[in-house]
């Protein structure tokens, strides 16, 4: 047979999405080649047997040889592959209402206690399914935890999520149960960040919730006291579709076309410190990563965290370091830069000499803080005590090291050394009377990076 007849049809993921019959969204078809209509006719309307599909496609291909072209599908297997790789629309939005049903004290009643709140969400189980079945991620996904070692020096290193120690420990727990032995672990990564929308909405507060899975490589994926119960009950309701799959395996088709038995688990939760306090149900200035004893916990917690509703989930272990708010905008800009400014009054004028930093200490973004990190050290050298320079040097080393895409055993030692140097030299700010103590959440959080 001519070599053109053996050529596979074009890859199905290079074209656009479109709305087909029944107002449903379809993708992975070449709309300009009538590929969808052909597949629908052969597979659904005519329900043609595989042998007859091959015979028809051979006839079709033979008419195209003189045009140096080939038919839309090579054979019935190619047709089935295109159909199987086609997701059926997006995950629909769902909504439920939440209201406060706690204790009411006459002198403390607030209007929000009588209000109803809408919670809109997409079924997280279906969202995870879409990620796992997406053929785009076929070469960017890990099916099991692993340990990676550098080719030079054979040193242990960490890069993507599935190379981490936490996910390795979770796999050990799964392997201990004979009913879950050999399953593919799918850790669900969560993140939220309260935002206030004031224009046209009356200064309303929203809590966007983001989700991803740890199997996908890094280069692919980023209240009132009594009202805390509303937040946690909403999270529990949204994530409830995943609960059964955390103890009972599911069989799923992945983007590479193979079927795997999977089990879900709640992984890291990414949030700033204010949100971490809300998630861990603790009082402000406490560490959300510390696991308190039960007898002491119930004295200070406003509510048990939403993770109590799910197996093998502990919010104190899930809280992830917040590099932007804890390190870059927190420990560096809000702390060290502010403290140094008290020692050297002309710091604004020196930094403002750099064009991009005119009007220095106004409204800041994360990018502004990152840019300042590059120029701050040479700007203050010679104008502050040497220990201040060393403190900045150590913290900057620490920040750049923890931001590396790959963390090696040697890098961990360097991170520990940088943190130790920072703790040694930042005492200059206490001895000069700039600060009274370092018992601050951003400062304390540094110890959780190593």
Protein backbone atom coordinates (compact mmCIF):
# COMPACT_ATOMS: atom_id res chain seq x y z
CA UNK A 1 0.00 0.00 0.00
CA UNK A 2 1.17 3.55 -0.71
CA UNK A 3 3.10 5.14 2.16
CA UNK A 4 0.54 7.96 2.26
CA UNK A 5 -2.16 5.45 3.16
CA UNK A 6 -0.15 4.45 6.23
CA UNK A 7 0.16 7.99 7.50
CA UNK A 8 -1.89 8.74 10.62
CA UNK A 9 -4.44 11.52 10.63
CA UNK A 10 -3.25 14.89 11.95
CA UNK A 11 -2.92 15.18 15.73
CA UNK A 12 -6.31 16.03 17.16
CA UNK A 13 -5.15 18.60 19.68
CA UNK A 14 -3.96 21.30 17.29
CA UNK A 15 -7.29 22.86 16.39
CA UNK A 16 -9.92 24.91 18.16
CA UNK A 17 -12.95 24.23 20.30
CA UNK A 18 -16.41 24.60 18.76
CA UNK A 19 -20.05 24.12 19.64
CA UNK A 20 -21.66 21.16 17.88
CA UNK A 21 -25.01 19.41 17.99
CA UNK A 22 -27.07 20.00 21.12
CA UNK A 23 -25.13 23.19 21.93
CA UNK A 24 -22.34 21.08 23.46
CA UNK A 25 -18.71 22.17 23.42
CA UNK A 26 -16.39 19.86 21.46
CA UNK A 27 -12.63 19.96 20.98
CA UNK A 28 -9.77 17.92 19.48
CA UNK A 29 -11.45 17.87 16.04
CA UNK A 30 -10.39 19.57 12.81
CA UNK A 31 -13.48 21.58 12.05
CA UNK A 32 -12.27 22.60 8.60
CA UNK A 33 -11.90 18.94 7.53
CA UNK A 34 -15.39 17.81 8.68
CA UNK A 35 -13.63 15.37 10.98
CA UNK A 36 -16.28 15.63 13.67
CA UNK A 37 -19.17 15.00 11.23
CA UNK A 38 -17.36 11.98 9.76
CA UNK A 39 -16.67 10.49 13.19
CA UNK A 40 -20.26 11.11 14.30
CA UNK A 41 -21.68 9.47 11.16
CA UNK A 42 -19.48 6.36 11.29
CA UNK A 43 -19.54 5.76 15.04
CA UNK A 44 -22.90 7.10 16.24
CA UNK A 45 -25.42 7.38 13.40
CA UNK A 46 -24.40 4.42 11.24
CA UNK A 47 -22.63 2.44 14.03
CA UNK A 48 -20.45 0.91 11.32
CA UNK A 49 -18.42 -2.19 12.27
CA UNK A 50 -14.65 -1.78 12.53
CA UNK A 51 -13.97 -3.89 9.43
CA UNK A 52 -16.30 -1.83 7.27
CA UNK A 53 -14.77 1.40 8.59
CA UNK A 54 -11.33 0.16 7.48
CA UNK A 55 -12.72 -0.82 4.05
CA UNK A 56 -14.37 2.59 3.57
CA UNK A 57 -11.28 4.50 4.67
CA UNK A 58 -9.10 2.46 2.29
CA UNK A 59 -11.43 3.36 -0.60
CA UNK A 60 -11.39 6.98 0.45
CA UNK A 61 -7.60 7.04 0.71
CA UNK A 62 -7.16 5.47 -2.73
CA UNK A 63 -9.03 8.41 -4.31
CA UNK A 64 -6.63 10.84 -2.62
CA UNK A 65 -3.32 9.25 -3.68
CA UNK A 66 -3.12 11.29 -6.87
CA UNK A 67 -3.49 14.44 -4.77
CA UNK A 68 -0.68 13.38 -2.45
CA UNK A 69 -3.17 13.42 0.40
CA UNK A 70 -4.71 10.95 2.84
CA UNK A 71 -8.10 10.38 4.47
CA UNK A 72 -9.13 11.92 7.76
CA UNK A 73 -8.46 8.68 9.67
CA UNK A 74 -5.94 5.93 9.02
CA UNK A 75 -8.23 3.12 10.20
CA UNK A 76 -10.88 2.36 12.82
CA UNK A 77 -8.29 2.44 15.60
CA UNK A 78 -7.28 5.98 14.63
CA UNK A 79 -10.96 6.97 14.58
CA UNK A 80 -11.57 5.48 18.04
CA UNK A 81 -8.46 7.18 19.41
CA UNK A 82 -9.67 10.62 18.27
CA UNK A 83 -13.11 9.99 19.77
CA UNK A 84 -11.68 8.73 23.08
CA UNK A 85 -9.38 11.75 23.40
CA UNK A 86 -12.25 14.23 22.99
CA UNK A 87 -13.48 15.78 26.26
CA UNK A 88 -17.21 16.46 26.36
CA UNK A 89 -17.51 20.14 27.25
CA UNK A 90 -16.49 21.94 30.43
CA UNK A 91 -17.37 21.13 34.01
CA UNK A 92 -20.59 23.04 34.78
CA UNK A 93 -20.84 25.53 37.62
CA UNK A 94 -22.90 24.61 40.66
CA UNK A 95 -24.21 26.77 43.49
CA UNK A 96 -25.34 26.33 47.08
CA UNK A 97 -26.33 28.79 49.78
CA UNK A 98 -24.82 29.10 53.26
CA UNK A 99 -26.18 30.94 56.29
CA UNK A 100 -24.99 31.43 59.84
CA UNK A 101 -26.70 29.13 62.36
CA UNK A 102 -24.49 29.65 65.41
CA UNK A 103 -25.19 31.30 68.76
CA UNK A 104 -26.71 34.76 68.74
CA UNK A 105 -26.12 37.31 71.48
CA UNK A 106 -28.48 40.24 71.44
CA UNK A 107 -25.74 42.81 71.95
CA UNK A 108 -23.47 41.29 69.30
CA UNK A 109 -25.83 40.47 66.45
CA UNK A 110 -24.43 41.58 63.11
CA UNK A 111 -26.23 42.01 59.77
CA UNK A 112 -24.06 39.33 58.16
CA UNK A 113 -25.57 36.74 60.53
CA UNK A 114 -28.94 37.12 58.78
CA UNK A 115 -27.59 37.13 55.24
CA UNK A 116 -27.45 34.30 52.73
CA UNK A 117 -24.24 33.74 50.80
CA UNK A 118 -23.85 32.14 47.39
CA UNK A 119 -21.03 29.65 46.88
CA UNK A 120 -20.30 28.86 43.24
CA UNK A 121 -17.99 25.99 42.37
CA UNK A 122 -17.13 23.32 39.81
CA UNK A 123 -17.16 19.68 40.90
CA UNK A 124 -13.50 19.17 41.94
CA UNK A 125 -13.64 15.48 41.04
CA UNK A 126 -14.63 16.33 37.46
CA UNK A 127 -12.01 19.09 37.32
CA UNK A 128 -9.32 16.60 38.42
CA UNK A 129 -10.59 14.10 35.83
CA UNK A 130 -10.22 16.72 33.10
CA UNK A 131 -6.63 17.41 34.14
CA UNK A 132 -5.70 13.74 34.18
CA UNK A 133 -7.33 12.96 30.84
CA UNK A 134 -5.90 16.01 29.07
CA UNK A 135 -3.49 14.71 26.41
CA UNK A 136 -1.58 18.03 26.63
CA UNK A 137 -0.09 16.80 29.93
CA UNK A 138 0.89 13.34 28.68
CA UNK A 139 4.62 14.08 28.85
CA UNK A 140 4.32 16.44 31.84
CA UNK A 141 2.79 14.15 34.45
CA UNK A 142 4.15 11.81 37.13
CA UNK A 143 2.24 8.65 37.99
CA UNK A 144 4.05 7.82 41.22
CA UNK A 145 6.38 9.45 43.76
CA UNK A 146 10.07 9.26 42.98
CA UNK A 147 13.44 10.28 44.32
CA UNK A 148 15.77 12.13 42.00
CA UNK A 149 19.56 12.34 42.18
CA UNK A 150 21.90 14.63 40.31
CA UNK A 151 24.20 13.13 37.68
CA UNK A 152 27.11 14.99 39.23
CA UNK A 153 27.83 13.85 42.76
CA UNK A 154 24.75 11.64 43.03
CA UNK A 155 23.08 14.16 45.38
CA UNK A 156 19.39 13.97 46.28
CA UNK A 157 17.43 16.84 44.70
CA UNK A 158 13.83 18.04 44.63
CA UNK A 159 12.02 19.70 41.72
CA UNK A 160 8.45 18.70 40.86
CA UNK A 161 5.88 17.96 43.55
CA UNK A 162 6.00 14.16 43.21
CA UNK A 163 9.69 14.20 44.09
CA UNK A 164 8.92 15.59 47.56
CA UNK A 165 9.18 13.76 50.88
CA UNK A 166 5.55 14.39 51.86
CA UNK A 167 4.10 12.62 48.83
CA UNK A 168 6.55 9.74 49.35
CA UNK A 169 5.27 9.35 52.92
CA UNK A 170 1.66 9.38 51.69
CA UNK A 171 2.47 6.61 49.20
CA UNK A 172 3.94 4.55 52.06
CA UNK A 173 0.65 4.88 53.94
CA UNK A 174 -1.33 3.86 50.86
CA UNK A 175 0.91 0.81 50.34
CA UNK A 176 0.22 -0.45 53.86
CA UNK A 177 -3.42 -1.11 52.97
CA UNK A 178 -3.74 -4.19 50.71
CA UNK A 179 -6.87 -2.71 49.08
CA UNK A 180 -4.97 0.40 47.92
CA UNK A 181 -1.56 -1.15 47.19
CA UNK A 182 -0.25 -0.15 43.77
CA UNK A 183 -2.66 2.75 43.24
CA UNK A 184 -1.73 6.05 41.62
CA UNK A 185 -1.86 8.79 44.25
CA UNK A 186 -3.43 12.06 43.05
CA UNK A 187 -2.72 14.87 45.57
CA UNK A 188 -5.06 17.85 45.22
CA UNK A 189 -3.30 21.20 45.74
CA UNK A 190 -5.51 24.05 46.94
CA UNK A 191 -5.08 27.79 47.20
CA UNK A 192 -7.23 30.77 48.12
CA UNK A 193 -6.80 34.51 48.53
CA UNK A 194 -9.50 36.81 49.86
CA UNK A 195 -10.17 39.76 47.58
CA UNK A 196 -12.33 42.85 48.02
CA UNK A 197 -14.34 44.13 45.05
CA UNK A 198 -15.49 47.68 45.80
CA UNK A 199 -16.54 49.03 42.42
CA UNK A 200 -20.28 48.57 41.95
CA UNK A 201 -20.60 45.83 44.59
CA UNK A 202 -20.59 47.70 47.88
CA UNK A 203 -17.13 46.59 49.06
CA UNK A 204 -17.94 42.88 48.95
CA UNK A 205 -15.35 40.28 49.92
CA UNK A 206 -14.78 37.15 47.84
CA UNK A 207 -12.78 33.99 48.47
CA UNK A 208 -11.63 32.52 45.11
CA UNK A 209 -10.57 28.89 45.57
CA UNK A 210 -8.00 27.44 43.18
CA UNK A 211 -7.13 23.79 42.64
CA UNK A 212 -4.51 21.77 40.80
CA UNK A 213 -2.95 18.32 41.16
CA UNK A 214 0.56 17.45 42.26
CA UNK A 215 1.10 14.95 39.44
CA UNK A 216 1.50 17.72 36.85
CA UNK A 217 4.98 19.22 36.54
CA UNK A 218 5.71 22.65 38.00
CA UNK A 219 6.14 24.27 34.61
CA UNK A 220 2.48 23.51 33.80
CA UNK A 221 0.58 24.71 36.86
CA UNK A 222 0.29 28.74 40.74
CA UNK A 223 -13.70 37.01 58.35
CA UNK A 224 -15.51 37.36 61.32
CA UNK A 225 -14.89 35.02 64.29
CA UNK A 226 -18.26 33.20 64.06
CA UNK A 227 -18.20 33.50 60.28
CA UNK A 228 -15.23 31.12 60.15
CA UNK A 229 -17.74 28.27 60.24
CA UNK A 230 -19.25 29.46 56.94
CA UNK A 231 -15.85 29.39 55.25
CA UNK A 232 -14.93 25.90 56.47
CA UNK A 233 -18.36 24.38 55.86
CA UNK A 234 -18.26 25.77 52.30
CA UNK A 235 -14.82 24.23 51.67
CA UNK A 236 -16.01 20.90 53.05
CA UNK A 237 -19.07 20.94 50.77
CA UNK A 238 -17.07 21.90 47.67
CA UNK A 239 -14.48 19.15 48.21
CA UNK A 240 -16.98 16.48 49.26
CA UNK A 241 -17.16 14.86 45.76
CA UNK A 242 -13.51 13.80 46.26
CA UNK A 243 -14.12 12.19 49.66
CA UNK A 244 -15.19 8.73 48.48
CA UNK A 245 -12.19 8.56 46.15
CA UNK A 246 -9.87 9.13 49.11
CA UNK A 247 -10.60 5.64 50.47
CA UNK A 248 -12.13 3.78 47.51
CA UNK A 249 -10.01 3.48 44.32
CA UNK A 250 -11.32 4.76 40.99
CA UNK A 251 -10.35 3.58 37.52
CA UNK A 252 -9.49 6.51 35.26
CA UNK A 253 -8.29 6.98 31.73
CA UNK A 254 -5.23 9.28 31.59
CA UNK A 255 -4.10 11.52 28.77
CA UNK A 256 -1.76 8.86 27.41
CA UNK A 257 -4.74 6.56 26.77
CA UNK A 258 -3.93 4.10 29.58
CA UNK A 259 -6.20 3.30 32.52
CA UNK A 260 -4.97 3.64 36.10
CA UNK A 261 -6.44 2.95 39.50
CA UNK A 262 -6.21 6.20 41.46
CA UNK A 263 -6.83 7.45 44.97
CA UNK A 264 -7.14 11.12 45.94
CA UNK A 265 -5.69 13.06 48.83
CA UNK A 266 -5.62 16.67 49.99
CA UNK A 267 -2.16 18.13 49.45
CA UNK A 268 -0.63 21.55 50.14
CA UNK A 269 -2.83 24.59 50.66
CA UNK A 270 -1.29 27.85 49.39
CA UNK A 271 -2.39 31.03 51.18
CA UNK A 272 -1.04 34.18 52.80
CA UNK A 273 -0.73 34.40 56.59
CA UNK A 274 -4.15 35.97 57.21
CA UNK A 275 -5.72 33.13 55.25
CA UNK A 276 -3.55 30.56 57.05
CA UNK A 277 -4.94 31.79 60.39
CA UNK A 278 -8.45 31.32 59.03
CA UNK A 279 -7.67 27.87 57.65
CA UNK A 280 -5.92 26.57 60.76
CA UNK A 281 -8.60 28.10 63.05
CA UNK A 282 -6.03 29.77 65.27
CA UNK A 283 -5.57 33.24 66.71
CA UNK A 284 -3.40 35.80 64.95
CA UNK A 285 0.39 35.65 65.55
CA UNK A 286 0.25 31.88 66.15
CA UNK A 287 2.03 29.48 63.81
CA UNK A 288 -0.37 27.55 61.55
CA UNK A 289 2.16 24.73 61.07
CA UNK A 290 2.27 23.77 64.75
CA UNK A 291 0.08 20.79 65.66
CA UNK A 292 -1.54 21.51 69.02
CA UNK A 293 -2.67 18.90 71.51
CA UNK A 294 -6.40 18.23 71.40
CA UNK A 295 -7.06 19.36 74.97
CA UNK A 296 -5.38 22.71 74.32
CA UNK A 297 -6.69 23.10 70.79
CA UNK A 298 -10.35 23.15 71.77
CA UNK A 299 -9.66 26.05 74.13
CA UNK A 300 -8.50 28.40 71.36
CA UNK A 301 -9.90 27.08 68.06
CA UNK A 302 -12.99 28.81 66.73
CA UNK A 303 -13.97 25.66 64.84
CA UNK A 304 -12.41 22.40 63.80
CA UNK A 305 -10.76 22.86 60.35
CA UNK A 306 -12.51 21.57 57.23
CA UNK A 307 -9.79 18.91 56.88
CA UNK A 308 -11.34 17.05 59.83
CA UNK A 309 -14.06 15.96 57.40
CA UNK A 310 -11.58 14.12 55.18
CA UNK A 311 -9.30 11.10 55.72
CA UNK A 312 -5.53 11.50 55.95
CA UNK A 313 -5.80 15.31 55.92
CA UNK A 314 -4.18 17.63 58.43
CA UNK A 315 -4.37 21.37 57.83
CA UNK A 316 -1.22 22.00 59.91
CA UNK A 317 0.77 19.77 57.53
CA UNK A 318 -0.97 21.13 54.43
CA UNK A 319 -0.14 24.81 54.97
CA UNK A 320 2.48 25.65 52.35
CA UNK A 321 5.20 28.34 52.62
CA UNK A 322 4.16 31.65 51.06
CA UNK A 323 7.28 32.97 49.34
CA UNK A 324 5.72 36.19 48.06
CA UNK A 325 4.04 37.43 51.25
CA UNK A 326 6.29 35.81 53.87
CA UNK A 327 9.69 36.35 52.28
CA UNK A 328 9.71 38.95 49.53
CA UNK A 329 7.04 41.38 50.77
CA UNK A 330 7.23 40.31 54.42
CA UNK A 331 10.66 39.53 55.84
CA UNK A 332 12.51 41.58 53.18
CA UNK A 333 10.43 44.68 52.39
CA UNK A 334 8.07 45.12 55.37
CA UNK A 335 10.73 44.16 57.93
CA UNK A 336 14.35 44.66 56.86
CA UNK A 337 13.79 47.55 54.45
CA UNK A 338 11.60 49.35 57.00
CA UNK A 339 14.10 48.72 59.80
CA UNK A 340 17.01 49.93 57.69
CA UNK A 341 15.06 53.06 56.78
CA UNK A 342 14.91 53.95 60.48
CA UNK A 343 18.68 53.71 60.67
CA UNK A 344 19.39 55.61 57.46
CA UNK A 345 17.01 58.52 56.81
CA UNK A 346 18.18 59.21 53.26
CA UNK A 347 17.43 55.71 51.96
CA UNK A 348 14.51 56.95 49.81
CA UNK A 349 16.76 59.42 48.00
CA UNK A 350 19.47 56.85 47.30
CA UNK A 351 17.07 54.24 45.88
CA UNK A 352 15.13 56.88 43.95
CA UNK A 353 18.32 57.59 42.01
CA UNK A 354 17.40 54.43 40.11
CA UNK A 355 14.79 55.56 37.56
CA UNK A 356 12.35 52.72 38.15
CA UNK A 357 12.20 53.45 41.90
CA UNK A 358 11.09 57.09 41.95
CA UNK A 359 8.34 57.62 44.53
CA UNK A 360 9.68 54.63 46.43
CA UNK A 361 7.58 53.74 49.45
CA UNK A 362 4.05 54.09 48.04
CA UNK A 363 1.89 51.28 46.63
CA UNK A 364 3.99 48.17 46.12
CA UNK A 365 3.53 45.02 44.08
CA UNK A 366 5.41 41.75 44.33
CA UNK A 367 7.39 42.62 41.20
CA UNK A 368 8.42 45.94 42.76
CA UNK A 369 9.76 44.15 45.82
CA UNK A 370 11.66 41.63 43.69
CA UNK A 371 13.21 44.45 41.67
CA UNK A 372 14.22 46.28 44.85
CA UNK A 373 16.04 43.16 46.06
CA UNK A 374 18.42 43.49 43.10
CA UNK A 375 19.56 47.04 43.86
CA UNK A 376 19.08 47.51 47.61
CA UNK A 377 22.32 46.04 48.91
CA UNK A 378 24.75 48.24 46.92
CA UNK A 379 22.57 51.29 47.63
CA UNK A 380 22.97 51.03 51.42
CA UNK A 381 26.56 49.82 51.55
CA UNK A 382 28.71 52.29 53.47
CA UNK A 383 25.71 54.06 54.99
CA UNK A 384 24.64 51.51 57.62
CA UNK A 385 26.52 49.32 60.11
CA UNK A 386 28.24 46.29 58.58
CA UNK A 387 25.96 43.88 60.47
CA UNK A 388 22.97 45.38 58.63
CA UNK A 389 24.70 44.66 55.32
CA UNK A 390 25.40 41.08 56.42
CA UNK A 391 21.79 40.61 57.53
CA UNK A 392 20.50 41.73 54.13
CA UNK A 393 23.10 39.60 52.35
CA UNK A 394 22.06 36.48 54.30
CA UNK A 395 18.31 37.03 53.76
CA UNK A 396 18.77 37.67 50.04
CA UNK A 397 20.80 34.47 49.74
CA UNK A 398 18.02 32.64 51.59
CA UNK A 399 15.32 34.07 49.28
CA UNK A 400 17.12 33.23 46.05
CA UNK A 401 17.99 29.71 47.21
CA UNK A 402 14.44 28.73 48.22
CA UNK A 403 13.14 30.10 44.89
CA UNK A 404 15.31 27.74 42.82
CA UNK A 405 13.45 25.36 40.49
CA UNK A 406 15.55 22.45 41.74
CA UNK A 407 16.57 22.08 45.40
CA UNK A 408 19.55 19.79 46.04
CA UNK A 409 21.01 18.42 49.26
CA UNK A 410 23.80 20.98 48.96
CA UNK A 411 21.24 23.75 48.45
CA UNK A 412 19.46 22.70 51.67
CA UNK A 413 22.72 23.09 53.57
CA UNK A 414 23.26 26.51 52.00
CA UNK A 415 19.70 27.53 52.97
CA UNK A 416 20.33 26.48 56.57
CA UNK A 417 23.63 28.40 56.63
CA UNK A 418 21.99 31.52 55.21
CA UNK A 419 19.21 31.37 57.79
CA UNK A 420 21.72 30.88 60.61
CA UNK A 421 23.72 33.91 59.42
CA UNK A 422 20.58 35.99 59.15
CA UNK A 423 19.55 35.14 62.72
CA UNK A 424 23.02 36.08 63.89
CA UNK A 425 23.30 39.43 62.13
CA UNK A 426 19.73 40.69 62.43
CA UNK A 427 20.39 41.21 66.16
CA UNK A 428 21.78 44.62 65.11
CA UNK A 429 18.22 45.86 64.76
CA UNK A 430 17.43 44.91 68.35
CA UNK A 431 20.65 46.30 69.85
CA UNK A 432 20.09 49.64 68.08
CA UNK A 433 16.52 49.82 69.40
CA UNK A 434 14.82 49.58 65.99
CA UNK A 435 12.77 46.54 67.11
CA UNK A 436 12.09 45.06 70.53
CA UNK A 437 11.80 41.42 69.42
CA UNK A 438 11.57 39.16 66.36
CA UNK A 439 8.46 37.21 67.39
CA UNK A 440 6.71 38.03 64.13
CA UNK A 441 4.89 35.55 61.86
CA UNK A 442 7.01 36.32 58.79
CA UNK A 443 10.24 35.96 60.76
CA UNK A 444 9.10 32.71 62.40
CA UNK A 445 7.98 31.23 59.07
CA UNK A 446 11.58 31.16 57.80
CA UNK A 447 12.33 28.09 59.92
CA UNK A 448 9.66 26.08 58.05
CA UNK A 449 11.52 26.32 54.72
CA UNK A 450 14.23 23.84 55.82
